[in-house]
Amino acid sequence: MPTFADRLLHFLTNFPLPTALPDQVEAVSPYRQAVPHALLTQFAQRYYADNQPRVALLGINPGRLGNGRTGVAFTDPVALTACGIANSLPQQREPSSQFVHLMMEAMGGPVAFYQRFYIGSLYPLVLLRHGRNYNYYDSPALTSALDSDIRISLQRQVSELGLVREVAVCLGRRNGQYLQRFNQELQLFDHIHVLDHPRYIMQYRRRELPEHIARYQEVLQNSLQLSA
């Protein structure tokens, strides 16, 4: 029987690139590139090689310096090394990855965390505009163009990966507005917790970092209770 790792790799590597996007935006699949694909495969086989149902943490869409390089959601090359996956990528930090992995350590480290949780995104491909990160909701035309693909992404993640249906955690307030709307239509999760996005916390609320990590811990522990 395919493991969670097998199903995740299949979903990500086979997720289709859009034919064209408005506003000079391009979509990039790191999972079809040799280095990110190899690193993601090692990571998945290390942390997801079972059939344990997991609570989903869903971000917006991957960034170019974290997931875009490593293939692993909210994980920059430094964090990937700390997870036991050696790599020769530039050892640069990415703010969202820093927060997520600090939070993860507070919850017992990556092994304990990934046994119970899965981190992904509403839209799984990197979006760039003029070489810089772009969010699926940054322009109405782009949001409209990706509407169907985001629906497919959410449906496939829930149905194919083996995610807990009772609850999910959304990263980002604006992202949460879209996920709540999609969820009303698709009926994927019974309840959705919405948290401040890691990048927002690191950029605007860094002085309150311990409080935000504690809030994440509280919500994630509550999610485990709902899914029990």
Protein backbone atom coordinates (compact mmCIF):
# COMPACT_ATOMS: atom_id res chain seq x y z
CA MET A 1 0.00 0.00 0.00
CA PRO A 2 1.41 3.44 -0.87
CA THR A 3 2.54 5.45 2.14
CA PHE A 4 1.74 9.06 2.93
CA ALA A 5 5.18 9.84 1.45
CA ASP A 6 4.37 8.04 -1.80
CA ARG A 7 1.06 9.82 -2.15
CA LEU A 8 2.57 13.24 -1.39
CA LEU A 9 5.32 12.77 -3.96
CA HIS A 10 2.78 11.70 -6.56
CA PHE A 11 0.53 14.68 -5.86
CA LEU A 12 3.31 17.26 -6.00
CA THR A 13 5.28 15.92 -8.95
CA ASN A 14 2.17 15.46 -11.05
CA PHE A 15 0.42 18.71 -10.22
CA PRO A 16 -0.09 20.49 -13.56
CA LEU A 17 1.53 23.77 -14.50
CA PRO A 18 -0.99 26.35 -15.77
CA THR A 19 -0.77 27.10 -19.47
CA ALA A 20 -0.70 30.87 -18.97
CA LEU A 21 -1.24 33.33 -16.12
CA PRO A 22 -2.20 37.03 -16.14
CA ASP A 23 -0.20 40.01 -14.85
CA GLN A 24 3.15 38.55 -15.99
CA VAL A 25 3.00 35.88 -13.31
CA GLU A 26 4.67 32.51 -13.85
CA ALA A 27 4.18 29.26 -11.97
CA VAL A 28 7.20 27.08 -11.18
CA SER A 29 7.16 23.49 -9.97
CA PRO A 30 10.26 22.80 -7.86
CA TYR A 31 9.17 19.15 -7.65
CA ARG A 32 10.06 18.66 -11.31
CA GLN A 33 13.59 19.98 -10.77
CA ALA A 34 16.29 17.45 -9.92
CA VAL A 35 17.64 18.86 -6.65
CA PRO A 36 14.35 19.85 -4.95
CA HIS A 37 12.76 16.58 -6.07
CA ALA A 38 15.61 14.53 -4.61
CA LEU A 39 15.54 16.46 -1.32
CA LEU A 40 11.75 16.22 -1.06
CA THR A 41 11.97 12.48 -1.67
CA GLN A 42 14.51 12.06 1.14
CA PHE A 43 12.41 14.21 3.44
CA ALA A 44 9.15 12.41 2.68
CA GLN A 45 10.71 8.98 3.14
CA ARG A 46 12.19 10.09 6.46
CA TYR A 47 9.11 11.76 7.97
CA TYR A 48 6.03 10.54 6.08
CA ALA A 49 6.80 6.85 5.44
CA ASP A 50 3.62 5.52 7.06
CA ASN A 51 -0.14 5.73 6.73
CA GLN A 52 -0.85 7.88 9.76
CA PRO A 53 -3.66 10.43 9.17
CA ARG A 54 -2.38 13.97 9.70
CA VAL A 55 -3.81 17.37 10.54
CA ALA A 56 -3.09 19.79 7.69
CA LEU A 57 -1.43 23.17 8.08
CA LEU A 58 -2.09 25.01 4.82
CA GLY A 59 -0.17 28.06 3.65
CA ILE A 60 -0.73 30.30 0.63
CA ASN A 61 1.65 29.08 -2.09
CA PRO A 62 5.36 28.23 -1.78
CA GLY A 63 8.11 30.82 -1.90
CA ARG A 64 11.21 30.63 -4.06
CA LEU A 65 13.84 30.64 -1.27
CA GLY A 66 12.36 27.98 1.00
CA ASN A 67 10.16 25.37 -0.63
CA GLY A 68 11.29 26.58 -4.04
CA ARG A 69 14.83 25.41 -3.29
CA THR A 70 14.28 22.41 -1.02
CA GLY A 71 10.95 21.07 -2.30
CA VAL A 72 9.75 20.95 1.32
CA ALA A 73 7.00 23.24 2.58
CA PHE A 74 8.14 26.05 4.92
CA THR A 75 11.66 24.61 4.97
CA ASP A 76 14.75 26.52 3.85
CA PRO A 77 18.14 24.83 3.31
CA VAL A 78 19.28 25.53 6.90
CA ALA A 79 16.11 24.03 8.36
CA LEU A 80 16.40 21.05 6.02
CA THR A 81 19.92 20.38 7.29
CA ALA A 82 18.59 20.57 10.86
CA CYS A 83 15.99 17.97 9.87
CA GLY A 84 18.82 15.59 8.99
CA ILE A 85 18.72 16.09 5.22
CA ALA A 86 22.18 17.20 4.09
CA ASN A 87 22.25 19.53 1.10
CA SER A 88 24.67 21.73 -0.83
CA LEU A 89 22.22 24.59 -1.35
CA PRO A 90 23.10 28.14 -0.21
CA GLN A 91 22.54 28.04 3.55
CA GLN A 92 20.27 31.08 3.63
CA ARG A 93 17.41 31.59 6.04
CA GLU A 94 13.83 32.30 4.99
CA PRO A 95 11.60 34.00 7.61
CA SER A 96 8.57 31.72 7.34
CA SER A 97 10.77 28.67 7.61
CA GLN A 98 12.51 30.10 10.68
CA PHE A 99 9.22 30.54 12.51
CA VAL A 100 7.78 27.16 11.56
CA HIS A 101 10.86 25.27 12.66
CA LEU A 102 11.14 27.21 15.94
CA MET A 103 7.52 26.29 16.58
CA MET A 104 8.24 22.71 15.59
CA GLU A 105 11.10 22.46 18.08
CA ALA A 106 8.81 23.80 20.80
CA MET A 107 6.46 20.92 19.99
CA GLY A 108 9.08 18.22 20.34
CA GLY A 109 11.05 18.44 17.11
CA PRO A 110 10.40 17.37 13.52
CA VAL A 111 9.93 13.65 14.13
CA ALA A 112 7.19 14.20 16.69
CA PHE A 113 5.65 17.02 14.67
CA TYR A 114 5.46 15.32 11.29
CA GLN A 115 3.99 12.15 12.79
CA ARG A 116 0.85 14.16 13.53
CA PHE A 117 0.90 17.11 11.12
CA TYR A 118 1.28 17.78 7.41
CA ILE A 119 2.35 21.17 6.05
CA GLY A 120 1.23 22.19 2.56
CA SER A 121 -0.38 25.06 0.69
CA LEU A 122 -3.68 25.90 -0.96
CA TYR A 123 -1.80 26.20 -4.26
CA PRO A 124 1.30 23.98 -4.36
CA LEU A 125 3.39 25.74 -7.01
CA VAL A 126 5.75 28.70 -6.64
CA LEU A 127 4.35 31.90 -8.12
CA LEU A 128 6.73 34.59 -9.35
CA ARG A 129 6.26 38.05 -10.83
CA HIS A 130 9.40 39.72 -12.16
CA GLY A 131 11.40 37.09 -10.28
CA ARG A 132 9.86 37.85 -6.89
CA ASN A 133 7.42 35.87 -4.76
CA TYR A 134 3.77 36.47 -5.54
CA ASN A 135 0.63 35.24 -3.77
CA TYR A 136 -2.33 33.67 -5.56
CA TYR A 137 -4.57 36.44 -4.15
CA ASP A 138 -2.31 39.40 -5.05
CA SER A 139 -4.41 40.29 -8.09
CA PRO A 140 -8.06 39.54 -8.85
CA ALA A 141 -7.16 38.30 -12.32
CA LEU A 142 -4.65 35.80 -10.94
CA THR A 143 -7.04 34.62 -8.23
CA SER A 144 -9.69 34.00 -10.88
CA ALA A 145 -7.25 32.22 -13.19
CA LEU A 146 -6.14 29.86 -10.41
CA ASP A 147 -9.56 29.27 -8.86
CA SER A 148 -10.10 25.87 -10.46
CA ASP A 149 -6.53 24.70 -9.77
CA ILE A 150 -6.78 25.66 -6.10
CA ARG A 151 -10.01 23.69 -5.80
CA ILE A 152 -8.35 20.69 -7.40
CA SER A 153 -5.30 21.09 -5.15
CA LEU A 154 -7.41 21.10 -1.99
CA GLN A 155 -9.58 18.20 -3.10
CA ARG A 156 -6.59 16.11 -4.08
CA GLN A 157 -4.68 16.80 -0.89
CA VAL A 158 -7.65 15.74 1.22
CA SER A 159 -8.67 12.72 -0.83
CA GLU A 160 -5.27 11.41 -1.89
CA LEU A 161 -2.96 12.09 1.04
CA GLY A 162 -5.08 10.91 3.93
CA LEU A 163 -5.65 14.13 5.84
CA VAL A 164 -7.79 14.47 8.94
CA ARG A 165 -11.21 15.79 7.91
CA GLU A 166 -12.39 17.02 11.31
CA VAL A 167 -10.08 20.04 11.39
CA ALA A 168 -7.42 21.95 9.46
CA VAL A 169 -5.16 24.90 10.28
CA CYS A 170 -4.83 27.81 7.85
CA LEU A 171 -1.70 29.99 7.87
CA GLY A 172 -2.53 33.59 7.07
CA ARG A 173 -5.64 35.67 7.73
CA ARG A 174 -6.34 36.58 4.11
CA ASN A 175 -5.52 33.04 3.06
CA GLY A 176 -8.07 31.94 5.63
CA GLN A 177 -10.82 33.96 3.96
CA TYR A 178 -10.27 32.03 0.74
CA LEU A 179 -9.95 28.65 2.42
CA GLN A 180 -13.16 29.21 4.36
CA ARG A 181 -14.96 30.05 1.12
CA PHE A 182 -13.57 27.02 -0.71
CA ASN A 183 -14.40 24.83 2.24
CA GLN A 184 -18.02 25.99 2.34
CA GLU A 185 -18.38 24.85 -1.25
CA LEU A 186 -16.27 21.69 -1.17
CA GLN A 187 -17.04 20.50 2.39
CA LEU A 188 -13.50 19.27 3.02
CA PHE A 189 -13.02 20.07 6.72
CA ASP A 190 -15.46 20.30 9.61
CA HIS A 191 -13.57 23.14 11.26
CA ILE A 192 -10.75 25.50 10.25
CA HIS A 193 -8.46 27.36 12.65
CA VAL A 194 -6.87 30.48 11.12
CA LEU A 195 -3.51 31.72 12.44
CA ASP A 196 -1.28 34.66 11.56
CA HIS A 197 1.09 33.75 8.75
CA PRO A 198 4.68 32.96 9.79
CA ARG A 199 6.10 35.62 7.46
CA TYR A 200 3.80 38.27 8.94
CA ILE A 201 4.87 37.30 12.44
CA MET A 202 8.58 37.42 11.61
CA GLN A 203 8.29 40.70 9.71
CA TYR A 204 5.88 42.65 11.91
CA ARG A 205 5.52 40.83 15.25
CA ARG A 206 8.98 39.40 15.93
CA ARG A 207 9.04 40.94 19.41
CA GLU A 208 5.99 38.84 20.23
CA LEU A 209 7.54 35.63 18.91
CA PRO A 210 7.12 33.56 22.12
CA GLU A 211 3.44 34.51 22.31
CA HIS A 212 2.84 33.49 18.69
CA ILE A 213 4.65 30.18 19.14
CA ALA A 214 2.51 29.52 22.22
CA ARG A 215 -0.63 30.37 20.22
CA TYR A 216 0.38 27.93 17.48
CA GLN A 217 1.00 25.22 20.07
CA GLU A 218 -2.40 25.83 21.64
CA VAL A 219 -4.24 25.64 18.32
CA LEU A 220 -2.36 22.58 17.11
CA GLN A 221 -2.95 20.71 20.35
CA ASN A 222 -6.63 21.62 20.13
CA SER A 223 -6.67 20.32 16.55
CA LEU A 224 -5.29 16.98 17.69
CA GLN A 225 -8.08 16.73 20.27
CA LEU A 226 -10.71 17.48 17.63
CA SER A 227 -9.27 14.82 15.35
CA ALA A 228 -8.97 12.12 18.03
